[in-house]
Protein backbone atom coordinates (compact mmCIF):
# COMPACT_ATOMS: atom_id res chain seq x y z
CA MET A 1 -24.58 8.30 -20.74
CA ALA A 2 -24.47 12.18 -22.25
CA GLU A 3 -22.32 14.05 -20.12
CA ARG A 4 -22.94 16.33 -17.66
CA SER A 5 -21.22 18.41 -14.18
CA THR A 6 -23.26 18.09 -10.78
CA ALA A 7 -20.06 21.08 -9.75
CA ALA A 8 -20.98 22.93 -12.59
CA VAL A 9 -22.90 26.63 -11.96
CA ASP A 10 -22.84 28.56 -15.68
CA VAL A 11 -21.49 26.63 -18.40
CA ALA A 12 -18.08 28.80 -19.74
CA ASP A 13 -16.98 29.29 -22.39
CA ASN A 14 -14.65 26.46 -24.43
CA SER A 15 -13.96 27.53 -26.92
CA GLY A 16 -10.06 29.32 -27.40
CA GLU A 17 -7.71 27.72 -27.50
CA GLN A 18 -6.25 26.50 -23.93
CA SER A 19 -8.48 24.12 -22.15
CA LEU A 20 -10.58 25.30 -18.93
CA THR A 21 -7.75 23.64 -16.66
CA ALA A 22 -4.86 25.58 -18.49
CA GLN A 23 -6.76 28.73 -17.78
CA ALA A 24 -8.36 27.94 -13.94
CA ASP A 25 -3.83 26.64 -13.04
CA GLN A 26 -2.36 29.87 -14.91
CA SER A 27 -5.10 32.14 -12.97
CA THR A 28 -4.17 30.81 -9.90
CA ALA A 29 -0.68 29.20 -10.03
CA ASP A 30 -1.10 27.34 -6.72
CA GLY A 31 2.00 26.57 -4.73
CA VAL A 32 2.87 24.29 -2.76
CA ALA A 33 1.12 23.50 0.44
CA LYS A 34 2.37 23.93 4.60
CA ASN A 35 0.66 21.61 5.48
CA ARG A 36 0.88 17.53 5.04
CA GLU A 37 -3.05 18.01 4.34
CA GLN A 38 -3.61 21.77 3.40
CA ASP A 39 -7.72 21.44 1.80
CA THR A 40 -7.25 24.05 -0.64
CA ASP A 41 -5.15 26.19 -1.88
CA SER A 42 -2.71 28.27 0.24
CA ASP A 43 -2.70 31.17 -2.05
CA ALA A 44 -5.37 34.26 -2.37
CA ALA A 45 -5.24 35.16 -5.47
CA GLN A 46 -8.52 34.93 -6.76
CA GLU A 47 -9.82 33.17 -9.60
CA ASN A 48 -11.43 34.06 -13.36
CA THR A 49 -15.12 31.91 -12.30
CA GLY A 50 -17.57 33.55 -14.72
CA THR A 51 -20.57 35.12 -14.33
CA ASP A 52 -19.74 35.04 -10.52
CA GLY A 53 -17.14 37.96 -10.25
CA SER A 54 -19.61 41.04 -9.70
CA GLU A 55 -21.60 39.37 -6.67
CA LYS A 56 -18.98 39.21 -4.30
CA THR A 57 -19.96 38.46 -0.32
CA SER A 58 -17.34 39.56 2.37
CA PRO A 59 -16.64 36.76 3.74
CA LEU A 60 -17.86 35.45 7.54
CA GLU A 61 -15.71 36.52 10.63
CA LEU A 62 -15.12 33.44 12.16
CA HIS A 63 -12.40 32.46 14.37
CA SER A 64 -10.58 29.54 15.76
CA GLY A 65 -12.37 27.56 18.89
CA HIS A 66 -15.46 28.38 17.47
CA LYS A 67 -18.60 25.88 17.18
CA LEU A 68 -20.81 24.27 13.90
CA ALA A 69 -23.55 22.43 15.63
CA ARG A 70 -22.38 22.79 18.93
CA ARG A 71 -19.89 19.32 17.32
CA TYR A 72 -17.05 20.86 14.31
CA ARG A 73 -14.78 23.10 16.83
CA LEU A 74 -12.79 25.57 13.75
CA GLU A 75 -9.14 25.22 14.18
CA GLU A 76 -6.59 26.38 11.65
CA CYS A 77 -8.37 28.46 8.64
CA VAL A 78 -6.56 26.97 5.53
CA THR A 79 -8.21 28.97 2.53
CA ARG A 80 -9.72 32.36 2.78
CA LEU A 81 -10.26 33.31 -0.74
CA ASP A 82 -13.68 34.99 -2.52
CA GLY A 83 -16.35 34.97 0.21
CA PHE A 84 -15.88 31.47 1.67
CA SER A 85 -13.43 30.07 3.60
CA SER A 86 -11.92 26.73 4.21
CA TRP A 87 -11.00 25.06 8.14
CA ARG A 88 -8.86 22.63 9.75
CA ALA A 89 -12.11 21.68 12.36
CA VAL A 90 -12.52 18.40 14.68
CA ASP A 91 -15.19 16.64 15.50
CA GLU A 92 -15.97 16.50 19.30
CA MET A 93 -18.77 14.09 19.12
CA LEU A 94 -15.92 11.29 16.78
CA ARG A 95 -12.83 13.18 18.13
CA ARG A 96 -11.60 13.43 14.79
CA ALA A 97 -10.09 15.84 12.56
CA VAL A 98 -12.11 16.42 10.16
CA GLY A 99 -11.86 19.26 6.84
CA VAL A 100 -15.17 22.74 6.39
CA HIS A 101 -15.86 24.65 3.46
CA ILE A 102 -17.97 27.51 5.40
CA LEU A 103 -19.72 30.24 2.87
CA PRO A 104 -22.58 32.94 3.82
CA ALA A 105 -25.76 31.26 3.05
CA ASP A 106 -27.02 34.27 0.81
CA HIS A 107 -23.43 33.79 -1.50
CA SER A 108 -23.27 33.51 -4.90
CA ARG A 109 -23.00 29.70 -5.17
CA ALA A 110 -24.40 28.56 -1.41
CA ARG A 111 -26.95 26.34 -3.44
CA SER A 112 -24.65 24.84 -6.01
CA VAL A 113 -21.82 23.64 -3.43
CA LEU A 114 -25.11 22.08 -0.98
CA ALA A 115 -26.30 20.06 -4.30
CA ALA A 116 -22.50 18.96 -5.37
CA ALA A 117 -21.88 18.07 -1.78
CA ARG A 118 -24.73 16.19 -1.81
CA SER A 119 -24.07 14.04 -4.33
CA SER A 120 -20.76 14.17 -3.90
CA ALA A 121 -21.70 12.39 -0.45
CA LEU A 122 -23.66 9.81 -2.44
CA LEU A 123 -20.47 8.15 -4.26
CA SER A 124 -18.95 5.74 -1.49
CA ASP A 125 -15.80 4.76 -3.66
CA PRO A 126 -12.93 4.54 -1.80
CA ARG A 127 -10.68 6.08 -3.76
CA PHE A 128 -12.22 9.58 -3.32
CA VAL A 129 -11.76 11.63 -0.43
CA GLN A 130 -15.71 11.34 1.56
CA VAL A 131 -18.19 14.29 1.92
CA LEU A 132 -19.50 13.29 5.72
CA ASP A 133 -22.66 16.43 5.97
CA ALA A 134 -23.77 18.68 3.84
CA VAL A 135 -25.88 21.50 6.09
CA GLU A 136 -27.10 24.75 5.64
CA GLU A 137 -27.31 26.65 9.77
CA ASP A 138 -29.32 29.56 10.36
CA ASP A 139 -27.39 32.22 8.42
CA ILE A 140 -24.32 30.63 7.26
CA VAL A 141 -23.82 26.75 5.10
CA TYR A 142 -21.29 24.25 5.44
CA VAL A 143 -19.57 21.08 3.79
CA VAL A 144 -17.61 18.57 6.38
CA HIS A 145 -15.22 16.39 4.79
CA GLU A 146 -12.30 13.91 5.53
CA TRP A 147 -9.01 15.15 7.13
CA LEU A 148 -5.82 13.11 6.20
CA PRO A 149 -3.33 13.59 8.71
CA ASP A 150 -0.80 10.72 7.40
CA ALA A 151 -1.93 12.72 3.48
CA THR A 152 1.09 14.38 1.49
CA GLU A 153 0.12 15.89 -1.11
CA LEU A 154 0.86 15.37 -4.64
CA THR A 155 2.35 19.24 -4.72
CA ALA A 156 4.66 17.78 -1.34
CA LEU A 157 5.44 15.77 -3.41
CA LEU A 158 6.99 16.51 -6.79
CA ALA A 159 8.85 19.81 -4.85
CA ALA A 160 11.47 16.41 -3.93
CA GLY A 161 11.73 15.71 -7.98
CA PRO A 162 9.86 13.43 -10.34
CA LEU A 163 7.73 10.43 -9.02
CA GLU A 164 8.99 6.57 -9.73
CA VAL A 165 7.45 5.13 -12.89
CA TYR A 166 6.09 2.75 -10.30
CA ASP A 167 4.32 5.18 -8.66
CA ALA A 168 3.56 7.83 -11.80
CA TYR A 169 1.95 4.24 -12.99
CA GLN A 170 -0.43 3.61 -9.06
CA MET A 171 -0.97 7.09 -9.99
CA VAL A 172 -2.67 7.13 -12.92
CA SER A 173 -4.23 4.13 -12.37
CA GLN A 174 -6.32 4.55 -9.23
CA MET A 175 -6.88 8.04 -10.75
CA SER A 176 -8.15 7.41 -14.14
CA SER A 177 -10.37 4.80 -12.40
CA ALA A 178 -11.61 6.39 -10.14
CA MET A 179 -12.99 9.76 -12.38
CA ALA A 180 -14.61 7.03 -14.55
CA SER A 181 -16.45 5.51 -12.23
CA ALA A 182 -16.89 9.26 -10.44
CA HIS A 183 -17.91 10.01 -13.95
CA ARG A 184 -20.27 7.26 -14.30
CA GLU A 185 -22.79 9.05 -11.87
CA GLY A 186 -23.04 12.28 -13.58
CA LEU A 187 -20.22 13.75 -10.61
CA ALA A 188 -17.51 15.66 -11.98
CA HIS A 189 -14.34 17.50 -10.61
CA LEU A 190 -13.31 20.04 -13.05
CA ARG A 191 -10.12 20.71 -10.99
CA LEU A 192 -8.09 18.62 -10.76
CA ASN A 193 -4.72 19.32 -9.35
CA PRO A 194 -1.35 18.71 -7.43
CA ASN A 195 -3.34 19.81 -4.73
CA ALA A 196 -6.34 17.46 -5.00
CA VAL A 197 -4.33 14.31 -5.23
CA LEU A 198 -3.31 12.88 -2.08
CA ARG A 199 -0.70 9.92 -1.67
CA THR A 200 -0.98 8.24 1.88
CA SER A 201 1.37 6.54 4.16
CA THR A 202 0.56 3.32 2.91
CA GLY A 203 0.54 4.14 -1.27
CA GLN A 204 -2.95 5.07 -2.26
CA TRP A 205 -3.75 7.46 -3.96
CA ARG A 206 -7.16 9.74 -2.86
CA ILE A 207 -8.91 12.01 -4.65
CA ARG A 208 -10.05 15.50 -2.89
CA GLY A 209 -13.09 18.14 -3.69
CA LEU A 210 -14.91 15.86 -6.22
CA ALA A 211 -16.96 18.45 -7.36
CA VAL A 212 -17.42 20.49 -4.16
CA ASN A 213 -14.07 22.30 -5.15
CA ALA A 214 -15.23 23.89 -8.56
CA ALA A 215 -18.50 24.58 -6.98
CA LEU A 216 -16.31 26.41 -4.78
CA ARG A 217 -14.91 28.71 -7.11
CA GLY A 218 -18.11 28.82 -9.54
CA ILE A 219 -16.61 26.78 -12.55
CA SER A 220 -17.92 24.87 -14.73
CA SER A 221 -17.26 23.07 -18.94
CA SER A 222 -19.62 22.01 -21.53
CA THR A 223 -16.89 18.76 -21.86
CA PRO A 224 -16.69 17.74 -18.08
CA GLN A 225 -15.52 14.14 -19.00
CA ARG A 226 -12.86 15.79 -21.84
CA THR A 227 -11.54 18.32 -18.35
CA ASP A 228 -11.36 15.41 -16.19
CA THR A 229 -8.59 13.61 -18.53
CA GLU A 230 -6.72 16.10 -19.66
CA SER A 231 -6.00 17.61 -16.13
CA ILE A 232 -5.44 13.88 -15.30
CA GLY A 233 -2.21 13.87 -18.50
CA ALA A 234 -1.13 17.31 -17.00
CA LEU A 235 -1.39 15.29 -13.84
CA LEU A 236 0.61 12.83 -14.83
CA TYR A 237 3.12 14.61 -16.81
CA ALA A 238 4.14 16.43 -14.70
CA ALA A 239 4.95 13.59 -12.17
CA LEU A 240 7.06 12.50 -14.85
CA THR A 241 9.22 15.86 -15.65
CA GLN A 242 8.56 18.13 -12.30
CA ARG A 243 6.99 20.42 -15.15
CA TRP A 244 3.50 22.15 -16.10
CA PRO A 245 2.49 21.12 -19.45
CA TYR A 246 1.96 24.62 -19.94
CA GLU A 247 3.58 28.30 -20.51
CA SER A 248 3.16 29.05 -16.96
CA ASP A 249 4.69 27.89 -13.82
CA ALA A 250 2.30 26.58 -12.19
CA TYR A 251 2.24 24.63 -8.24
CA GLY A 252 5.86 25.33 -7.38
CA MET A 253 7.43 23.64 -10.78
CA SER A 254 8.40 25.59 -14.15
CA GLY A 255 5.99 25.70 -17.19
CA LEU A 256 7.68 25.16 -21.16
CA PRO A 257 9.58 27.09 -22.67
CA LYS A 258 7.41 29.39 -24.65
CA ASP A 259 6.57 28.81 -28.95
CA ILE A 260 7.29 25.43 -28.78
CA GLY A 261 4.26 24.18 -28.09
CA LEU A 262 3.85 20.76 -25.92
CA ILE A 263 6.57 18.12 -25.87
CA PRO A 264 6.62 14.94 -24.94
CA PRO A 265 7.71 13.94 -21.25
CA ASP A 266 10.43 11.55 -22.16
CA GLN A 267 11.98 14.97 -24.51
CA VAL A 268 12.31 17.27 -21.29
CA ARG A 269 13.44 15.28 -19.70
CA ALA A 270 15.70 12.01 -20.18
CA GLY A 271 14.68 7.91 -18.81
CA VAL A 272 11.14 8.41 -18.65
CA HIS A 273 8.79 5.46 -19.40
CA ARG A 274 8.58 5.54 -23.19
CA GLY A 275 4.34 4.15 -22.56
CA LEU A 276 3.17 6.83 -19.27
CA SER A 277 5.38 9.49 -22.42
CA GLU A 278 2.27 8.41 -25.20
CA LEU A 279 -0.54 8.57 -22.06
CA ALA A 280 0.12 12.04 -21.44
CA MET A 281 0.58 12.83 -24.56
CA ARG A 282 -3.18 11.30 -25.45
CA ALA A 283 -5.37 12.41 -22.45
CA LEU A 284 -3.99 16.59 -22.81
CA VAL A 285 -5.41 18.53 -25.96
CA ASN A 286 -2.36 18.06 -28.47
CA ASP A 287 -4.86 16.68 -31.36
CA GLY A 288 -3.70 12.79 -30.33
CA ALA A 289 0.12 12.92 -31.10
CA THR A 290 3.01 14.18 -32.35
CA ALA A 291 3.28 12.89 -36.02
CA SER A 292 6.32 10.35 -35.18
CA ARG A 293 3.09 8.57 -32.85
CA HIS A 294 -0.54 8.01 -34.40
CA GLU A 295 -2.08 7.19 -31.06
CA SER A 296 -5.99 8.28 -30.96
CA PRO A 297 -6.34 11.32 -28.34
CA CYS A 298 -7.66 9.92 -24.88
CA THR A 299 -11.16 11.82 -24.17
CA THR A 300 -13.04 10.48 -21.37
CA PRO A 301 -11.71 8.81 -18.38
CA GLU A 302 -13.20 5.34 -20.02
CA GLU A 303 -10.44 5.83 -22.78
CA LEU A 304 -8.26 6.19 -20.81
CA VAL A 305 -8.77 3.33 -18.28
CA LYS A 306 -8.55 1.55 -21.57
CA ALA A 307 -5.20 2.37 -22.77
CA ILE A 308 -3.75 1.66 -19.07
CA GLY A 309 -5.10 -1.78 -19.80
CA GLU A 310 -3.24 -1.58 -22.56
CA MET A 311 -0.19 -1.31 -21.92
CA PRO A 312 2.69 -4.04 -20.74
CA ARG A 313 1.52 -3.75 -16.84
CA ILE A 314 4.56 -2.36 -14.74
CA ARG A 315 5.59 -3.80 -11.81
CA PRO A 316 7.45 -2.80 -8.49
CA PRO A 317 10.95 -2.40 -8.02
CA GLU A 318 12.81 -4.77 -6.59
CA PRO A 319 13.87 -4.40 -2.78
CA ALA A 320 16.98 -3.00 -2.74
CA PHE A 321 19.33 -4.32 -0.71
CA THR A 322 21.46 -2.40 2.18
CA THR A 323 24.96 -3.28 3.32
CA PRO A 324 25.18 -4.45 7.57
CA PRO A 325 26.77 -2.46 9.22
CA GLU A 326 29.80 -3.85 10.53
CA TYR A 327 29.99 -5.02 13.84
CA GLN A 328 30.44 -2.46 16.35
CA ARG A 329 32.19 -4.31 19.72
CA THR A 330 30.31 -3.15 22.79
CA THR A 331 32.70 -1.75 25.29
CA TYR A 332 32.17 -4.22 28.00
CA GLN A 333 34.47 -6.10 24.82
CA GLN A 334 37.02 -3.33 23.87
CA GLY A 335 38.06 -3.75 28.27
CA THR A 336 36.96 -0.37 28.63
CA TYR A 337 33.83 -0.91 31.18
CA GLY A 338 33.94 0.76 34.26
CA ARG A 339 36.79 3.52 32.70
CA PRO A 340 35.92 6.86 31.09
CA ALA A 341 36.07 6.88 27.80
CA PRO A 342 39.34 9.02 26.54
CA HIS A 343 38.85 11.96 25.02
CA PRO A 344 38.34 13.24 21.20
CA GLY A 345 41.45 13.83 19.74
CA LEU A 346 43.34 12.71 22.50
CA THR A 347 45.95 9.66 21.02
CA GLN A 348 45.80 6.81 23.65
CA PRO A 349 49.42 5.36 23.88
CA VAL A 350 49.27 1.66 22.38
CA PRO A 351 50.40 -1.23 25.76
CA ALA A 352 53.19 -3.44 25.08
CA PRO A 353 53.18 -7.20 24.69
CA PRO A 354 54.56 -9.33 27.85
CA PRO A 355 58.05 -10.00 27.54
CA PRO A 356 57.97 -14.49 27.12
CA LEU A 357 58.79 -16.33 30.28
CA GLN A 358 62.63 -15.50 30.68
CA SER A 359 62.84 -15.84 34.35
CA ARG A 360 63.62 -18.97 36.50
CA THR A 361 60.00 -19.17 37.35
CA GLY A 362 59.23 -19.22 33.86
CA LYS A 363 61.68 -21.76 32.38
CA ALA A 364 60.43 -24.34 35.31
CA LEU A 365 57.00 -23.74 34.21
CA LYS A 366 57.67 -24.45 30.19
CA TRP A 367 59.17 -27.74 31.23
CA ALA A 368 56.46 -28.83 34.07
CA VAL A 369 54.47 -28.42 30.58
CA SER A 370 56.39 -30.27 28.38
CA ALA A 371 56.34 -33.16 30.59
CA LEU A 372 52.55 -33.08 31.07
CA LEU A 373 51.93 -33.45 27.45
CA ILE A 374 54.62 -36.52 27.04
CA ALA A 375 53.29 -38.46 29.20
CA ALA A 376 49.50 -37.67 27.88
CA LEU A 377 50.89 -38.73 23.87
CA GLY A 378 51.88 -41.88 26.11
CA LEU A 379 49.13 -43.16 27.97
CA GLY A 380 46.67 -41.96 24.26
CA SER A 381 49.01 -44.76 22.59
CA TRP A 382 48.40 -47.34 25.22
CA GLN A 383 45.26 -47.16 25.68
CA LEU A 384 44.33 -46.70 21.33
CA ALA A 385 45.99 -50.19 20.82
CA ASP A 386 44.53 -52.06 23.42
CA ALA A 387 41.02 -50.57 22.39
CA LEU A 388 42.41 -52.37 18.82
CA MET A 389 43.33 -55.92 20.25
CA GLU A 390 39.54 -55.47 21.56
CA GLN A 391 37.80 -55.06 18.75
CA GLY A 392 39.70 -57.39 16.34
CA GLY A 393 38.22 -60.02 18.44
CA LYS A 394 34.55 -58.72 18.46
CA ALA A 395 35.01 -58.97 14.57
CA ASP A 396 33.06 -62.17 13.98
CA ASP A 397 29.55 -61.44 17.00
CA THR A 398 29.43 -57.67 14.19
CA ASN A 399 29.86 -60.21 11.29
CA LYS A 400 26.62 -62.32 12.84
CA THR A 401 24.69 -59.45 14.49
CA GLN A 402 25.41 -56.86 11.05
CA THR A 403 22.12 -58.70 8.76
CA THR A 404 19.73 -58.28 12.28
CA ASP A 405 20.43 -54.76 12.62
CA ASP A 406 20.24 -53.19 8.46
CA ASP A 407 17.02 -54.90 8.37
CA ASP A 408 16.03 -52.80 11.92
CA LYS A 409 17.01 -49.38 10.54
CA SER A 410 15.24 -50.08 8.09
CA SER A 411 12.21 -51.12 9.30
CA SER A 412 12.48 -47.65 11.83
CA ALA A 413 12.66 -45.13 9.12
CA PRO A 414 10.20 -43.38 8.12
CA LYS A 415 7.48 -43.77 5.42
CA PRO A 416 7.54 -41.51 2.99
CA ALA A 417 4.53 -38.66 2.49
CA GLN A 418 1.30 -39.80 0.51
CA PRO A 419 -0.32 -37.16 -0.96
CA ILE A 420 -4.12 -36.88 1.26
CA ALA A 421 -6.74 -36.71 -1.25
CA ILE A 422 -9.37 -33.02 -1.19
CA ALA A 423 -12.81 -34.29 -1.17
CA SER A 424 -14.83 -31.32 -0.96
CA ALA A 425 -14.69 -27.45 -0.05
CA VAL A 426 -16.79 -24.69 0.99
CA ASP A 427 -15.72 -21.30 1.85
CA PHE A 428 -15.82 -19.91 5.54
CA ASP A 429 -16.83 -16.58 7.14
CA PRO A 430 -18.69 -16.69 10.22
CA MET A 431 -18.34 -12.98 11.24
CA GLY A 432 -19.58 -11.81 8.01
CA ASP A 433 -22.34 -12.32 6.09
CA GLY A 434 -21.99 -15.91 5.39
CA SER A 435 -20.37 -15.95 2.30
CA GLU A 436 -17.20 -15.05 -0.32
CA LYS A 437 -17.62 -16.55 -3.49
CA PRO A 438 -18.74 -19.56 -2.77
CA SER A 439 -18.80 -21.02 -6.92
CA ASP A 440 -14.58 -20.13 -6.62
CA VAL A 441 -13.85 -22.09 -3.94
CA ALA A 442 -13.71 -25.89 -5.67
CA LYS A 443 -10.59 -24.11 -7.45
CA VAL A 444 -8.06 -24.33 -4.37
CA TYR A 445 -8.12 -27.88 -4.95
CA ASP A 446 -8.43 -28.45 -9.11
CA ASP A 447 -4.51 -28.36 -9.82
CA ALA A 448 -5.25 -25.88 -13.48
CA PRO A 449 -2.71 -23.61 -13.07
CA GLY A 450 -4.31 -20.60 -13.24
CA THR A 451 -7.21 -20.51 -11.47
CA TYR A 452 -7.98 -19.67 -8.05
CA TRP A 453 -10.40 -18.03 -5.20
CA GLN A 454 -11.18 -15.08 -4.08
CA THR A 455 -11.99 -13.38 -1.38
CA ASP A 456 -14.72 -10.48 -1.24
CA PHE A 457 -12.74 -6.85 -1.11
CA TYR A 458 -11.62 -5.03 2.11
CA LEU A 459 -10.47 -1.63 2.26
CA SER A 460 -7.22 -2.54 4.21
CA SER A 461 -5.30 -5.88 4.79
CA ASP A 462 -6.91 -6.06 8.38
CA PHE A 463 -10.27 -7.15 6.48
CA GLY A 464 -11.55 -3.23 7.10
CA ARG A 465 -11.40 -4.14 10.77
CA LEU A 466 -14.67 -5.68 10.30
CA LYS A 467 -13.70 -9.82 11.45
CA PRO A 468 -10.46 -11.22 11.86
CA GLY A 469 -10.70 -12.90 9.11
CA VAL A 470 -12.49 -15.10 6.62
CA GLY A 471 -10.93 -19.18 4.74
CA VAL A 472 -12.10 -22.51 2.99
CA ILE A 473 -12.96 -25.59 4.80
CA LEU A 474 -11.31 -28.79 3.42
CA ASP A 475 -13.41 -31.91 3.77
CA LEU A 476 -11.28 -35.06 3.52
CA GLY A 477 -13.71 -38.04 3.59
CA LYS A 478 -12.57 -39.87 7.42
CA VAL A 479 -11.15 -39.18 9.69
CA GLN A 480 -6.78 -38.38 8.18
CA GLU A 481 -3.24 -38.43 9.63
CA VAL A 482 -2.04 -35.26 8.33
CA GLY A 483 1.70 -34.51 7.66
CA LYS A 484 1.91 -30.69 6.29
CA VAL A 485 -0.47 -28.19 4.15
CA THR A 486 0.95 -26.44 2.03
CA VAL A 487 -0.97 -23.33 0.48
CA SER A 488 -0.39 -21.10 -3.13
CA PHE A 489 -1.66 -17.67 -3.03
CA VAL A 490 -0.99 -14.31 -5.02
CA GLY A 491 0.43 -11.92 -2.89
CA ASN A 492 2.64 -12.27 0.39
CA THR A 493 -0.48 -13.62 2.64
CA SER A 494 -1.08 -14.77 6.00
CA VAL A 495 -2.53 -17.73 6.93
CA GLU A 496 -3.65 -20.62 10.04
CA LEU A 497 -4.42 -24.39 9.98
CA ARG A 498 -7.19 -24.79 12.34
CA ALA A 499 -8.26 -28.43 12.24
CA ALA A 500 -12.15 -29.71 13.58
CA SER A 501 -11.71 -32.69 16.53
CA SER A 502 -11.94 -35.77 15.43
CA ASP A 503 -14.13 -36.45 16.70
CA ALA A 504 -16.51 -34.38 15.89
CA GLY A 505 -19.88 -35.30 14.70
CA GLY A 506 -20.01 -33.32 11.34
CA GLN A 507 -18.00 -30.08 10.22
CA PRO A 508 -18.88 -26.90 12.29
CA THR A 509 -20.21 -24.35 11.80
CA SER A 510 -18.25 -21.53 13.62
CA LEU A 511 -14.58 -20.58 14.05
CA ASP A 512 -14.56 -22.14 18.35
CA GLY A 513 -15.23 -25.27 16.57
CA PHE A 514 -11.99 -25.34 14.47
CA ALA A 515 -8.38 -25.51 16.88
CA LYS A 516 -5.32 -23.77 15.59
CA VAL A 517 -2.26 -25.90 14.66
CA THR A 518 -0.02 -23.50 12.88
CA GLN A 519 0.01 -20.58 10.91
CA GLY A 520 2.62 -18.36 7.97
CA SER A 521 2.59 -15.98 6.16
CA GLY A 522 4.01 -15.43 2.68
CA ASP A 523 2.74 -16.63 -1.25
CA SER A 524 3.96 -19.99 -0.96
CA VAL A 525 3.45 -21.55 2.99
CA THR A 526 4.01 -24.63 4.49
CA LEU A 527 1.55 -25.47 7.50
CA LYS A 528 3.01 -28.69 9.83
CA PRO A 529 1.53 -29.60 12.86
CA GLU A 530 3.58 -29.69 15.70
CA GLU A 531 2.29 -32.62 17.02
CA THR A 532 0.40 -35.17 15.05
CA LEU A 533 -2.66 -34.44 13.45
CA LYS A 534 -5.63 -36.62 12.77
CA SER A 535 -8.53 -35.02 11.68
CA ARG A 536 -11.47 -34.45 8.37
CA TYR A 537 -12.17 -31.32 8.82
CA LEU A 538 -9.53 -28.62 7.75
CA LEU A 539 -9.85 -24.70 7.47
CA VAL A 540 -7.64 -21.75 5.94
CA TRP A 541 -7.76 -19.11 7.65
CA LEU A 542 -6.43 -16.18 6.12
CA THR A 543 -5.88 -13.59 8.83
CA GLU A 544 -3.94 -10.86 6.66
CA LEU A 545 -4.86 -9.37 3.19
CA PRO A 546 -2.39 -8.30 0.47
CA ILE A 547 -2.85 -5.74 -1.83
CA GLN A 548 -3.78 -7.17 -5.07
CA ALA A 549 -5.48 -4.88 -7.50
CA ASP A 550 -4.82 -0.67 -9.19
CA ASP A 551 -7.54 0.59 -7.02
CA GLY A 552 -5.76 0.67 -3.80
CA LYS A 553 -8.91 -2.09 -2.70
CA TRP A 554 -7.56 -5.58 -0.59
CA ARG A 555 -8.22 -8.65 -1.53
CA GLY A 556 -6.94 -12.39 -0.60
CA ARG A 557 -5.89 -15.31 -3.58
CA VAL A 558 -5.90 -18.97 -2.77
CA VAL A 559 -4.47 -20.87 -6.24
CA ASP A 560 -3.90 -24.09 -4.85
CA VAL A 561 -3.81 -26.19 -1.97
CA LYS A 562 -2.33 -29.42 -1.22
CA VAL A 563 -2.82 -31.43 1.69
CA SER A 564 -0.07 -34.38 2.66
CA SER A 565 0.24 -37.66 6.01
């Protein structure tokens, strides 16, 4: 597919020594945004946008409280730049926050902004902040997009320091995969900077302004794939080093020292992951790599995805164990209940221990206790001797009945659990389209290592709030007594064991036909019924999914199911 960019207005001259990304970044020198989710840059610096500079249009006179289409109420202006403005607004119909770009209908870029927004809206990829509406109304053009109140810009994250290795790996993996998907649809970003990358509270990375941000500023490129790939490399470089990989300072970060060229991240900062350092250099414009690292350059997001796949997978860090705080006794246990607390800084007197029993009453009490102890010891000795004499007379009877007792104990011992064979299995999705990867469902009981049955992907762990769960129905061939069911997953998964009634005429077709027996969660869950369970049809019902892929999608994977009596 030939490269093209729907965000382009005019083809810029890209023949200089610096790339378009570097030029745009140097001209803006964006800082850290004050809000957690600023729509565009917070500064008011003009950008070099090609031929549009001579056709300035005065910005519209809008204010907080103004409504668009009697629906979108403007709340706060976050950007006012080059004839357009960007706002945080409220969609009063759906009662949610949204972002809005507004520019006059006679603006030189109005047509290209509408075209870019409508093209971007057709890409339903959850890794991009979605365009919700693109309208030309009266004398204005406006674009409505998602607003993520729980997301944080990469600019703000890097203000606190470089990212951890796993976070940087997740960021570059998800962004590369997302931009490769966009370019396959003919869409480019062309303005992929730290202000356009967000991390949500769940750890997912989102990209905003696909095609639209560049169209608003009149940015174009004759090589959009190379431009976006270099931008991803610059973001990875900044995430590893907290330095912008060009000579000028930008986005609250210092640039590289002048006249030394582009040096690898692991030479800028100690402890940088070697594989990610090489990946950043391959994505940036540096003719491939340094002389000591003979790796071919990555010129498209697709090549970047392939290079990431060839790297050893970076696993998340182990959770740090925190020592629990020392046990603190309450004031009631300390004996101060109901008393005023001592003033800080005052030394409290330590009460002296009570003196020993030295009075006449104390001596009498000690003699009484001693006499009682002597009497108790004598009584206990007499009872012990009497019990031993009686035990000697019953020894013969015990020997006679010992064999019988042993036989009774052996006959009452519980029988060991026996495995129950699974005759067949089918997928179960009663609240969805009725099908959930049916071709792989036999892998849950094939005893083959490395195989599994996988659900469809969803946008959240609760199945995108579309349904309560999905599962697999196990047919045991006949009604049998079930002692336990052991299920192995890939990732920490929540699961319920449900069973059809033993007198059911056939396999139930709805969730109501299976009664809940027990539940659990983990990557290996043993489900034991609290009462005797007899059934032919068992349902392994997944209720919460673990995240499994770098693309931020959620899916469940059942590796193996074992049933025993």
